[in-house]
Amino acid sequence: MRSRHLNFLADFRPVLSNARAQIAEMTIAPGDSEGDSGNRHKGADQWLFVVAGSGLAISRSRRIPLKAHTLLLIEAGDIHEIRNTGRTPLKTVNFYAPPAYAKSGRPLPRGKRS
């Protein structure tokens, strides 16, 4: 068993992973966003859980409001952007299966491990 403390100080930080899944924390400042028209995880599903703040998840044809306790599934290959539309930091915990990022935060090529 392993554990990590989440501090939500960095913009994006992989926190804990094994060969099958990964957890990362993300903090987006008010008015900022993560992702764009090319952002997708080709080989991993992403589950995004909003801990605090408010925002908007945008895909090609959908806009989903985000607030504390929202759980969002972004399936492998879905292009997406997460925007902070509120006045406080948007803090999320993100689960990837399989892992999508190296320890450095650099995206992994599809099917690769950190």
Foldseek 3Di string as FASTA:
>chain_A
DDDDDDDQPDQKFWTDADQWKTKMKHKAAAFGKDFDQPDFQQAKKKKKAWQAAWWWKDFPPDIDIDGHGDIDIDGGPTGIMIHGNGHGITMIMMMITHDQADRVRHGDPHPDDD
